[in-house]
N, C-alpha and C. Protein backbone atom coordinates (compact mmCIF):
# COMPACT_ATOMS: atom_id res chain seq x y z
N MET A 1 -12.78 7.63 4.38
CA MET A 1 -12.24 8.22 3.18
C MET A 1 -11.34 9.41 3.51
N VAL A 2 -11.74 10.19 4.51
CA VAL A 2 -10.95 11.35 4.90
C VAL A 2 -9.58 10.92 5.43
N THR A 3 -9.55 9.85 6.25
CA THR A 3 -8.27 9.41 6.78
C THR A 3 -7.36 8.89 5.66
N GLY A 4 -7.96 8.30 4.63
CA GLY A 4 -7.17 7.81 3.50
C GLY A 4 -6.47 8.94 2.76
N VAL A 5 -7.15 10.04 2.59
CA VAL A 5 -6.57 11.20 1.91
C VAL A 5 -5.46 11.81 2.78
N VAL A 6 -5.72 11.94 4.07
CA VAL A 6 -4.71 12.48 4.99
C VAL A 6 -3.48 11.57 4.98
N TYR A 7 -3.70 10.26 4.98
CA TYR A 7 -2.61 9.29 4.95
C TYR A 7 -1.71 9.51 3.73
N VAL A 8 -2.30 9.66 2.55
CA VAL A 8 -1.52 9.81 1.33
C VAL A 8 -0.73 11.12 1.34
N VAL A 9 -1.34 12.18 1.83
CA VAL A 9 -0.62 13.47 1.90
C VAL A 9 0.58 13.33 2.82
N LEU A 10 0.38 12.69 3.97
CA LEU A 10 1.49 12.49 4.91
C LEU A 10 2.55 11.55 4.33
N GLU A 11 2.12 10.57 3.52
CA GLU A 11 3.06 9.66 2.88
C GLU A 11 3.93 10.41 1.88
N ILE A 12 3.31 11.25 1.07
CA ILE A 12 4.06 12.02 0.08
C ILE A 12 5.11 12.89 0.77
N LEU A 13 4.72 13.48 1.90
CA LEU A 13 5.65 14.34 2.64
C LEU A 13 6.60 13.55 3.55
N GLN A 14 6.42 12.24 3.60
CA GLN A 14 7.19 11.32 4.43
C GLN A 14 7.18 11.78 5.89
N LYS A 15 5.99 11.89 6.43
CA LYS A 15 5.80 12.27 7.83
C LYS A 15 5.43 11.04 8.64
N ASN A 16 6.03 10.89 9.81
CA ASN A 16 5.78 9.73 10.65
C ASN A 16 4.32 9.62 11.09
N ALA A 17 3.60 10.72 11.17
CA ALA A 17 2.19 10.69 11.57
C ALA A 17 1.36 9.85 10.60
N MET A 18 1.87 9.65 9.38
CA MET A 18 1.17 8.83 8.40
C MET A 18 0.85 7.46 8.96
N TRP A 19 1.78 6.88 9.68
CA TRP A 19 1.61 5.53 10.19
C TRP A 19 0.48 5.46 11.23
N VAL A 20 0.32 6.50 12.02
CA VAL A 20 -0.77 6.53 13.00
C VAL A 20 -2.12 6.61 12.28
N VAL A 21 -2.19 7.47 11.28
CA VAL A 21 -3.40 7.57 10.47
C VAL A 21 -3.67 6.25 9.74
N GLY A 22 -2.61 5.55 9.38
CA GLY A 22 -2.74 4.27 8.70
C GLY A 22 -3.49 3.24 9.52
N ILE A 23 -3.36 3.28 10.81
CA ILE A 23 -4.08 2.34 11.67
C ILE A 23 -5.58 2.60 11.57
N ALA A 24 -5.98 3.86 11.66
CA ALA A 24 -7.41 4.20 11.57
C ALA A 24 -7.97 3.89 10.19
N THR A 25 -7.24 4.22 9.15
CA THR A 25 -7.68 3.95 7.78
C THR A 25 -7.81 2.45 7.55
N GLY A 26 -6.83 1.69 8.01
CA GLY A 26 -6.87 0.24 7.86
C GLY A 26 -8.09 -0.38 8.53
N ALA A 27 -8.40 0.08 9.72
CA ALA A 27 -9.56 -0.45 10.44
C ALA A 27 -10.87 -0.14 9.71
N ALA A 28 -11.01 1.10 9.24
CA ALA A 28 -12.24 1.49 8.53
C ALA A 28 -12.40 0.72 7.22
N CYS A 29 -11.32 0.58 6.48
CA CYS A 29 -11.40 -0.13 5.20
C CYS A 29 -11.62 -1.63 5.41
N ALA A 30 -11.00 -2.21 6.42
CA ALA A 30 -11.21 -3.63 6.70
C ALA A 30 -12.69 -3.90 6.98
N TYR A 31 -13.30 -3.04 7.74
CA TYR A 31 -14.74 -3.20 8.03
C TYR A 31 -15.57 -3.09 6.75
N SER A 32 -15.30 -2.09 5.94
CA SER A 32 -16.06 -1.88 4.71
C SER A 32 -15.92 -3.06 3.75
N PHE A 33 -14.70 -3.53 3.57
CA PHE A 33 -14.49 -4.67 2.66
C PHE A 33 -15.10 -5.96 3.21
N SER A 34 -15.17 -6.10 4.54
CA SER A 34 -15.76 -7.32 5.11
C SER A 34 -17.25 -7.41 4.78
N ILE A 35 -17.91 -6.29 4.72
CA ILE A 35 -19.33 -6.27 4.38
C ILE A 35 -19.54 -6.80 2.96
N GLN A 36 -18.58 -6.54 2.06
CA GLN A 36 -18.66 -6.96 0.66
C GLN A 36 -18.02 -8.33 0.42
N HIS A 37 -17.52 -8.96 1.47
CA HIS A 37 -16.86 -10.27 1.37
C HIS A 37 -15.63 -10.24 0.45
N SER A 38 -14.91 -9.13 0.47
CA SER A 38 -13.64 -9.02 -0.26
C SER A 38 -12.53 -9.34 0.75
N TRP A 39 -12.34 -10.63 0.98
CA TRP A 39 -11.49 -11.09 2.08
C TRP A 39 -10.03 -10.70 1.93
N GLY A 40 -9.57 -10.62 0.73
CA GLY A 40 -8.19 -10.19 0.52
C GLY A 40 -7.97 -8.77 1.00
N MET A 41 -8.91 -7.91 0.71
CA MET A 41 -8.79 -6.52 1.13
C MET A 41 -8.96 -6.38 2.64
N VAL A 42 -9.75 -7.26 3.25
CA VAL A 42 -9.88 -7.27 4.71
C VAL A 42 -8.52 -7.61 5.32
N GLY A 43 -7.95 -8.74 4.87
CA GLY A 43 -6.65 -9.14 5.38
C GLY A 43 -5.57 -8.12 5.11
N LEU A 44 -5.64 -7.53 3.94
CA LEU A 44 -4.65 -6.52 3.56
C LEU A 44 -4.70 -5.32 4.51
N ASN A 45 -5.88 -4.89 4.84
CA ASN A 45 -6.00 -3.72 5.73
C ASN A 45 -5.59 -4.05 7.16
N ILE A 46 -5.76 -5.28 7.58
CA ILE A 46 -5.21 -5.69 8.88
C ILE A 46 -3.68 -5.68 8.81
N TYR A 47 -3.14 -6.16 7.70
CA TYR A 47 -1.69 -6.10 7.46
C TYR A 47 -1.20 -4.65 7.50
N TYR A 48 -1.96 -3.73 6.89
CA TYR A 48 -1.59 -2.32 6.91
C TYR A 48 -1.48 -1.81 8.35
N MET A 49 -2.39 -2.24 9.19
CA MET A 49 -2.36 -1.79 10.57
C MET A 49 -1.09 -2.27 11.27
N VAL A 50 -0.71 -3.53 11.04
CA VAL A 50 0.52 -4.08 11.63
C VAL A 50 1.75 -3.36 11.06
N MET A 51 1.77 -3.18 9.74
CA MET A 51 2.92 -2.53 9.10
C MET A 51 3.04 -1.06 9.50
N SER A 52 1.95 -0.46 9.94
CA SER A 52 2.01 0.92 10.41
C SER A 52 2.92 1.03 11.63
N VAL A 53 2.90 0.04 12.48
CA VAL A 53 3.78 0.02 13.64
C VAL A 53 5.23 -0.18 13.19
N VAL A 54 5.44 -1.15 12.30
CA VAL A 54 6.79 -1.43 11.78
C VAL A 54 7.35 -0.19 11.06
N GLY A 55 6.54 0.40 10.19
CA GLY A 55 6.97 1.57 9.43
C GLY A 55 7.32 2.75 10.31
N LEU A 56 6.51 2.98 11.34
CA LEU A 56 6.77 4.09 12.25
C LEU A 56 8.12 3.93 12.92
N VAL A 57 8.42 2.76 13.40
CA VAL A 57 9.71 2.50 14.06
C VAL A 57 10.86 2.72 13.07
N GLN A 58 10.72 2.16 11.88
CA GLN A 58 11.81 2.26 10.89
C GLN A 58 12.01 3.69 10.40
N TRP A 59 10.90 4.39 10.10
CA TRP A 59 11.03 5.76 9.60
C TRP A 59 11.59 6.70 10.65
N ARG A 60 11.26 6.49 11.91
CA ARG A 60 11.81 7.35 12.97
C ARG A 60 13.33 7.19 13.01
N ARG A 61 13.78 5.95 12.87
CA ARG A 61 15.23 5.68 12.88
C ARG A 61 15.90 6.28 11.64
N ASP A 62 15.33 6.00 10.46
CA ASP A 62 15.94 6.44 9.21
C ASP A 62 15.85 7.95 9.01
N GLY A 63 14.79 8.56 9.48
CA GLY A 63 14.59 10.00 9.29
C GLY A 63 15.64 10.85 9.98
N ALA A 64 16.28 10.30 10.99
CA ALA A 64 17.32 11.05 11.69
C ALA A 64 18.55 11.25 10.82
N ALA A 65 18.67 10.50 9.71
CA ALA A 65 19.86 10.56 8.87
C ALA A 65 19.78 11.61 7.77
N VAL A 66 18.64 12.30 7.62
CA VAL A 66 18.51 13.29 6.56
C VAL A 66 18.09 14.64 7.13
N GLU A 67 18.29 15.67 6.33
CA GLU A 67 17.91 17.02 6.75
C GLU A 67 16.41 17.23 6.57
N GLU A 68 15.88 18.22 7.26
CA GLU A 68 14.46 18.58 7.15
C GLU A 68 14.11 18.89 5.69
N GLY A 69 13.01 18.35 5.22
CA GLY A 69 12.57 18.59 3.84
C GLY A 69 13.07 17.57 2.84
N GLN A 70 14.00 16.73 3.25
CA GLN A 70 14.50 15.68 2.37
C GLN A 70 13.74 14.38 2.63
N ILE A 71 13.71 13.55 1.63
CA ILE A 71 13.07 12.24 1.73
C ILE A 71 14.17 11.19 1.84
N HIS A 72 14.12 10.37 2.89
CA HIS A 72 15.13 9.33 3.04
C HIS A 72 14.73 8.12 2.20
N LEU A 73 15.64 7.71 1.31
CA LEU A 73 15.40 6.60 0.40
C LEU A 73 16.46 5.52 0.60
N ARG A 74 16.03 4.29 0.44
CA ARG A 74 16.96 3.17 0.42
C ARG A 74 16.96 2.60 -0.99
N PRO A 75 18.11 2.21 -1.49
CA PRO A 75 18.13 1.60 -2.83
C PRO A 75 17.42 0.24 -2.81
N LEU A 76 16.71 -0.06 -3.89
CA LEU A 76 16.05 -1.36 -4.01
C LEU A 76 17.09 -2.38 -4.46
N ARG A 77 17.34 -3.34 -3.64
CA ARG A 77 18.34 -4.36 -3.93
C ARG A 77 17.76 -5.45 -4.83
N ARG A 78 18.63 -6.05 -5.64
CA ARG A 78 18.21 -7.12 -6.54
C ARG A 78 17.55 -8.27 -5.75
N LYS A 79 18.11 -8.61 -4.63
CA LYS A 79 17.58 -9.69 -3.81
C LYS A 79 16.14 -9.39 -3.37
N THR A 80 15.89 -8.16 -2.96
CA THR A 80 14.54 -7.75 -2.56
C THR A 80 13.58 -7.84 -3.74
N ALA A 81 14.01 -7.40 -4.91
CA ALA A 81 13.16 -7.45 -6.09
C ALA A 81 12.82 -8.90 -6.47
N ILE A 82 13.81 -9.78 -6.41
CA ILE A 82 13.57 -11.19 -6.75
C ILE A 82 12.61 -11.83 -5.76
N TRP A 83 12.84 -11.62 -4.47
CA TRP A 83 11.94 -12.16 -3.46
C TRP A 83 10.53 -11.59 -3.62
N SER A 84 10.44 -10.35 -4.01
CA SER A 84 9.13 -9.71 -4.20
C SER A 84 8.36 -10.36 -5.34
N VAL A 85 9.04 -10.64 -6.44
CA VAL A 85 8.39 -11.30 -7.58
C VAL A 85 7.92 -12.69 -7.19
N LEU A 86 8.77 -13.44 -6.51
CA LEU A 86 8.40 -14.79 -6.07
C LEU A 86 7.22 -14.75 -5.10
N LEU A 87 7.27 -13.83 -4.17
CA LEU A 87 6.17 -13.67 -3.22
C LEU A 87 4.88 -13.30 -3.93
N TYR A 88 4.97 -12.40 -4.91
CA TYR A 88 3.80 -11.97 -5.66
C TYR A 88 3.15 -13.14 -6.40
N LEU A 89 3.96 -13.92 -7.09
CA LEU A 89 3.43 -15.05 -7.87
C LEU A 89 2.83 -16.12 -6.96
N ALA A 90 3.59 -16.55 -5.97
CA ALA A 90 3.11 -17.61 -5.08
C ALA A 90 1.91 -17.14 -4.25
N GLY A 91 2.01 -15.94 -3.74
CA GLY A 91 0.93 -15.40 -2.92
C GLY A 91 -0.35 -15.19 -3.70
N SER A 92 -0.23 -14.70 -4.92
CA SER A 92 -1.41 -14.48 -5.76
C SER A 92 -2.12 -15.80 -6.06
N LEU A 93 -1.35 -16.80 -6.44
CA LEU A 93 -1.96 -18.11 -6.74
C LEU A 93 -2.64 -18.69 -5.50
N ALA A 94 -1.98 -18.61 -4.37
CA ALA A 94 -2.56 -19.14 -3.13
C ALA A 94 -3.83 -18.37 -2.75
N LEU A 95 -3.79 -17.07 -2.87
CA LEU A 95 -4.96 -16.27 -2.50
C LEU A 95 -6.14 -16.50 -3.44
N ILE A 96 -5.87 -16.65 -4.72
CA ILE A 96 -6.96 -16.94 -5.66
C ILE A 96 -7.69 -18.21 -5.22
N TRP A 97 -6.93 -19.23 -4.88
CA TRP A 97 -7.52 -20.49 -4.44
C TRP A 97 -8.35 -20.28 -3.16
N VAL A 98 -7.76 -19.60 -2.18
CA VAL A 98 -8.45 -19.36 -0.90
C VAL A 98 -9.71 -18.51 -1.11
N PHE A 99 -9.58 -17.44 -1.88
CA PHE A 99 -10.71 -16.54 -2.07
C PHE A 99 -11.87 -17.22 -2.79
N ARG A 100 -11.56 -18.09 -3.72
CA ARG A 100 -12.63 -18.85 -4.39
C ARG A 100 -13.37 -19.73 -3.38
N ARG A 101 -12.63 -20.31 -2.47
CA ARG A 101 -13.24 -21.18 -1.45
C ARG A 101 -14.15 -20.39 -0.50
N PHE A 102 -13.82 -19.13 -0.25
CA PHE A 102 -14.60 -18.32 0.68
C PHE A 102 -15.65 -17.45 0.00
N GLY A 103 -15.85 -17.65 -1.30
CA GLY A 103 -16.91 -16.93 -2.00
C GLY A 103 -16.63 -15.47 -2.30
N ASP A 104 -15.37 -15.14 -2.46
CA ASP A 104 -14.99 -13.77 -2.83
C ASP A 104 -15.67 -13.39 -4.15
N GLN A 105 -16.16 -12.17 -4.25
CA GLN A 105 -16.86 -11.71 -5.45
C GLN A 105 -15.96 -11.62 -6.68
N ALA A 106 -14.72 -11.31 -6.49
CA ALA A 106 -13.77 -11.15 -7.60
C ALA A 106 -12.40 -11.70 -7.15
N PRO A 107 -12.27 -13.02 -7.04
CA PRO A 107 -11.08 -13.60 -6.41
C PRO A 107 -9.76 -13.28 -7.10
N VAL A 108 -9.73 -13.26 -8.43
CA VAL A 108 -8.47 -13.00 -9.14
C VAL A 108 -8.05 -11.54 -8.94
N LEU A 109 -8.96 -10.64 -9.16
CA LEU A 109 -8.67 -9.21 -9.00
C LEU A 109 -8.29 -8.90 -7.55
N ASP A 110 -9.02 -9.47 -6.62
CA ASP A 110 -8.75 -9.26 -5.20
C ASP A 110 -7.36 -9.78 -4.83
N ALA A 111 -7.01 -10.97 -5.31
CA ALA A 111 -5.71 -11.56 -4.99
C ALA A 111 -4.55 -10.76 -5.58
N LEU A 112 -4.68 -10.36 -6.84
CA LEU A 112 -3.60 -9.60 -7.50
C LEU A 112 -3.38 -8.25 -6.81
N ALA A 113 -4.47 -7.56 -6.51
CA ALA A 113 -4.36 -6.26 -5.83
C ALA A 113 -3.81 -6.43 -4.42
N THR A 114 -4.24 -7.47 -3.74
CA THR A 114 -3.79 -7.72 -2.37
C THR A 114 -2.29 -7.96 -2.32
N MET A 115 -1.80 -8.86 -3.15
CA MET A 115 -0.38 -9.20 -3.09
C MET A 115 0.50 -8.03 -3.52
N LEU A 116 0.06 -7.29 -4.52
CA LEU A 116 0.85 -6.13 -4.94
C LEU A 116 0.89 -5.09 -3.83
N SER A 117 -0.21 -4.93 -3.13
CA SER A 117 -0.27 -3.97 -2.01
C SER A 117 0.59 -4.42 -0.84
N VAL A 118 0.64 -5.72 -0.60
CA VAL A 118 1.51 -6.25 0.47
C VAL A 118 2.96 -5.88 0.18
N ILE A 119 3.38 -6.10 -1.04
CA ILE A 119 4.77 -5.81 -1.41
C ILE A 119 5.03 -4.31 -1.39
N ALA A 120 4.09 -3.53 -1.89
CA ALA A 120 4.26 -2.07 -1.90
C ALA A 120 4.38 -1.52 -0.49
N THR A 121 3.62 -2.06 0.45
CA THR A 121 3.69 -1.60 1.84
C THR A 121 5.04 -1.96 2.45
N TRP A 122 5.53 -3.14 2.15
CA TRP A 122 6.86 -3.56 2.62
C TRP A 122 7.91 -2.59 2.07
N TRP A 123 7.82 -2.29 0.77
CA TRP A 123 8.77 -1.37 0.15
C TRP A 123 8.62 0.05 0.70
N LEU A 124 7.40 0.44 1.05
CA LEU A 124 7.18 1.76 1.65
C LEU A 124 7.89 1.84 3.00
N ALA A 125 7.72 0.82 3.83
CA ALA A 125 8.38 0.81 5.13
C ALA A 125 9.90 0.87 4.99
N GLU A 126 10.41 0.31 3.89
CA GLU A 126 11.84 0.33 3.61
C GLU A 126 12.28 1.61 2.89
N SER A 127 11.34 2.46 2.54
CA SER A 127 11.61 3.74 1.84
C SER A 127 12.23 3.56 0.46
N HIS A 128 11.72 2.61 -0.31
CA HIS A 128 12.16 2.43 -1.70
C HIS A 128 11.31 3.33 -2.60
N LEU A 129 11.96 4.10 -3.44
CA LEU A 129 11.25 4.98 -4.38
C LEU A 129 10.27 4.18 -5.24
N GLN A 130 10.64 3.00 -5.64
CA GLN A 130 9.84 2.19 -6.56
C GLN A 130 8.51 1.74 -5.95
N GLN A 131 8.34 1.90 -4.64
CA GLN A 131 7.06 1.53 -4.03
C GLN A 131 5.91 2.30 -4.66
N TRP A 132 6.19 3.53 -5.10
CA TRP A 132 5.14 4.33 -5.73
C TRP A 132 4.65 3.69 -7.03
N LEU A 133 5.53 3.09 -7.78
CA LEU A 133 5.13 2.44 -9.04
C LEU A 133 4.22 1.24 -8.75
N LEU A 134 4.55 0.51 -7.70
CA LEU A 134 3.69 -0.60 -7.30
C LEU A 134 2.32 -0.10 -6.86
N TRP A 135 2.31 1.03 -6.14
CA TRP A 135 1.03 1.59 -5.67
C TRP A 135 0.16 2.04 -6.84
N ILE A 136 0.76 2.58 -7.87
CA ILE A 136 -0.04 3.00 -9.03
C ILE A 136 -0.80 1.80 -9.58
N VAL A 137 -0.11 0.70 -9.80
CA VAL A 137 -0.76 -0.50 -10.36
C VAL A 137 -1.75 -1.09 -9.36
N ALA A 138 -1.34 -1.20 -8.10
CA ALA A 138 -2.22 -1.77 -7.07
C ALA A 138 -3.50 -0.95 -6.91
N ASP A 139 -3.36 0.36 -6.95
CA ASP A 139 -4.54 1.22 -6.77
C ASP A 139 -5.46 1.18 -7.99
N VAL A 140 -4.91 1.01 -9.17
CA VAL A 140 -5.76 0.82 -10.36
C VAL A 140 -6.54 -0.48 -10.22
N LEU A 141 -5.86 -1.55 -9.80
CA LEU A 141 -6.54 -2.84 -9.60
C LEU A 141 -7.61 -2.74 -8.51
N THR A 142 -7.30 -2.03 -7.44
CA THR A 142 -8.27 -1.90 -6.35
C THR A 142 -9.45 -1.02 -6.76
N THR A 143 -9.21 -0.02 -7.58
CA THR A 143 -10.31 0.78 -8.12
C THR A 143 -11.25 -0.12 -8.91
N ALA A 144 -10.69 -0.97 -9.75
CA ALA A 144 -11.51 -1.90 -10.52
C ALA A 144 -12.28 -2.85 -9.60
N LEU A 145 -11.62 -3.33 -8.55
CA LEU A 145 -12.28 -4.21 -7.59
C LEU A 145 -13.47 -3.51 -6.93
N CYS A 146 -13.26 -2.27 -6.53
CA CYS A 146 -14.35 -1.50 -5.90
C CYS A 146 -15.52 -1.32 -6.86
N LEU A 147 -15.23 -1.06 -8.12
CA LEU A 147 -16.31 -0.90 -9.11
C LEU A 147 -17.06 -2.21 -9.32
N VAL A 148 -16.32 -3.31 -9.41
CA VAL A 148 -16.93 -4.62 -9.62
C VAL A 148 -17.83 -5.02 -8.44
N THR A 149 -17.41 -4.65 -7.23
CA THR A 149 -18.16 -5.04 -6.03
C THR A 149 -19.17 -3.98 -5.59
N GLY A 150 -19.33 -2.92 -6.38
CA GLY A 150 -20.34 -1.91 -6.07
C GLY A 150 -19.97 -0.92 -4.99
N GLN A 151 -18.71 -0.84 -4.66
CA GLN A 151 -18.25 0.11 -3.64
C GLN A 151 -17.77 1.39 -4.32
N TYR A 152 -18.71 2.09 -4.89
CA TYR A 152 -18.38 3.24 -5.73
C TYR A 152 -17.68 4.35 -4.95
N TRP A 153 -18.08 4.57 -3.71
CA TRP A 153 -17.44 5.63 -2.92
C TRP A 153 -15.98 5.29 -2.65
N LEU A 154 -15.66 4.01 -2.46
CA LEU A 154 -14.26 3.62 -2.27
C LEU A 154 -13.47 3.71 -3.57
N SER A 155 -14.14 3.51 -4.70
CA SER A 155 -13.43 3.62 -5.98
C SER A 155 -12.93 5.05 -6.19
N VAL A 156 -13.69 6.02 -5.71
CA VAL A 156 -13.26 7.42 -5.81
C VAL A 156 -11.98 7.63 -4.99
N LEU A 157 -11.96 7.05 -3.80
CA LEU A 157 -10.76 7.14 -2.96
C LEU A 157 -9.55 6.53 -3.67
N TYR A 158 -9.74 5.37 -4.29
CA TYR A 158 -8.60 4.70 -4.95
C TYR A 158 -8.16 5.43 -6.22
N VAL A 159 -9.06 6.11 -6.91
CA VAL A 159 -8.64 6.96 -8.03
C VAL A 159 -7.75 8.09 -7.49
N ALA A 160 -8.15 8.65 -6.36
CA ALA A 160 -7.33 9.70 -5.73
C ALA A 160 -5.96 9.12 -5.34
N TYR A 161 -5.95 7.88 -4.88
CA TYR A 161 -4.68 7.22 -4.54
C TYR A 161 -3.78 7.06 -5.77
N VAL A 162 -4.36 6.71 -6.90
CA VAL A 162 -3.58 6.57 -8.13
C VAL A 162 -2.90 7.89 -8.47
N LEU A 163 -3.68 8.96 -8.47
CA LEU A 163 -3.13 10.28 -8.79
C LEU A 163 -2.08 10.70 -7.76
N SER A 164 -2.34 10.41 -6.51
CA SER A 164 -1.39 10.75 -5.45
C SER A 164 -0.09 9.95 -5.60
N ALA A 165 -0.20 8.70 -6.02
CA ALA A 165 0.99 7.88 -6.19
C ALA A 165 1.87 8.41 -7.33
N VAL A 166 1.25 8.90 -8.38
CA VAL A 166 2.01 9.52 -9.47
C VAL A 166 2.76 10.74 -8.94
N TYR A 167 2.04 11.59 -8.21
CA TYR A 167 2.67 12.77 -7.62
C TYR A 167 3.75 12.37 -6.61
N GLY A 168 3.43 11.38 -5.76
CA GLY A 168 4.39 10.93 -4.75
C GLY A 168 5.69 10.44 -5.35
N TYR A 169 5.59 9.71 -6.45
CA TYR A 169 6.79 9.23 -7.13
C TYR A 169 7.65 10.42 -7.57
N CYS A 170 7.03 11.39 -8.21
CA CYS A 170 7.77 12.57 -8.68
C CYS A 170 8.39 13.34 -7.52
N HIS A 171 7.62 13.51 -6.45
CA HIS A 171 8.09 14.26 -5.28
C HIS A 171 9.27 13.54 -4.61
N TRP A 172 9.15 12.24 -4.40
CA TRP A 172 10.23 11.49 -3.76
C TRP A 172 11.46 11.46 -4.64
N LYS A 173 11.27 11.36 -5.94
CA LYS A 173 12.41 11.33 -6.85
C LYS A 173 13.17 12.66 -6.79
N LYS A 174 12.43 13.75 -6.70
CA LYS A 174 13.03 15.08 -6.65
C LYS A 174 13.71 15.37 -5.31
N LYS A 175 13.07 15.00 -4.21
CA LYS A 175 13.56 15.35 -2.87
C LYS A 175 14.33 14.23 -2.18
N GLY A 176 14.42 13.07 -2.83
CA GLY A 176 15.00 11.91 -2.18
C GLY A 176 16.50 11.94 -2.03
N VAL A 177 16.96 11.40 -0.93
CA VAL A 177 18.38 11.25 -0.65
C VAL A 177 18.61 9.78 -0.30
N LEU A 178 19.49 9.12 -1.10
CA LEU A 178 19.79 7.71 -0.86
C LEU A 178 20.71 7.56 0.33
N PHE A 179 20.42 6.58 1.16
CA PHE A 179 21.33 6.20 2.23
C PHE A 179 21.22 4.70 2.42
N PHE A 180 22.14 4.15 3.18
CA PHE A 180 22.20 2.69 3.31
C PHE A 180 21.97 2.26 4.72
């Protein structure tokens, strides 16, 4: 839980160290969700660990283009948004089917939160401002998933993530500088 809070603070400030903390947070959460048989969240946290490497490389490159204290942003392209919607719909349907087969406690909620988080992480690595809006919804869904599966301590973390995502959106919007 502590690494999750540190991760969000570093994300809001757009610090590269966030990605290193993301590996530790992903590993801890994957283990916790595996105990509850929330397979989507297990896979998602493994994905977070992989994307932490991708994000670190990309942010190091992009961060060189802005001044200290500024947030480097990329515009969200129509093509990216369309592919994201298609990925969300197809991925959610596929995961619901898979999760039902593996005895997931809440397959629909798990699939919807998982796919939205996959897309939000992709958008985060690309430094799209709108990733925060996806995180707000994904974290609300994950909070509900944690409550349904009895992981009350994790639900507290995800409520903190929701609040942090609201703040992060405002902070990035204020300090953000678009580049291509």
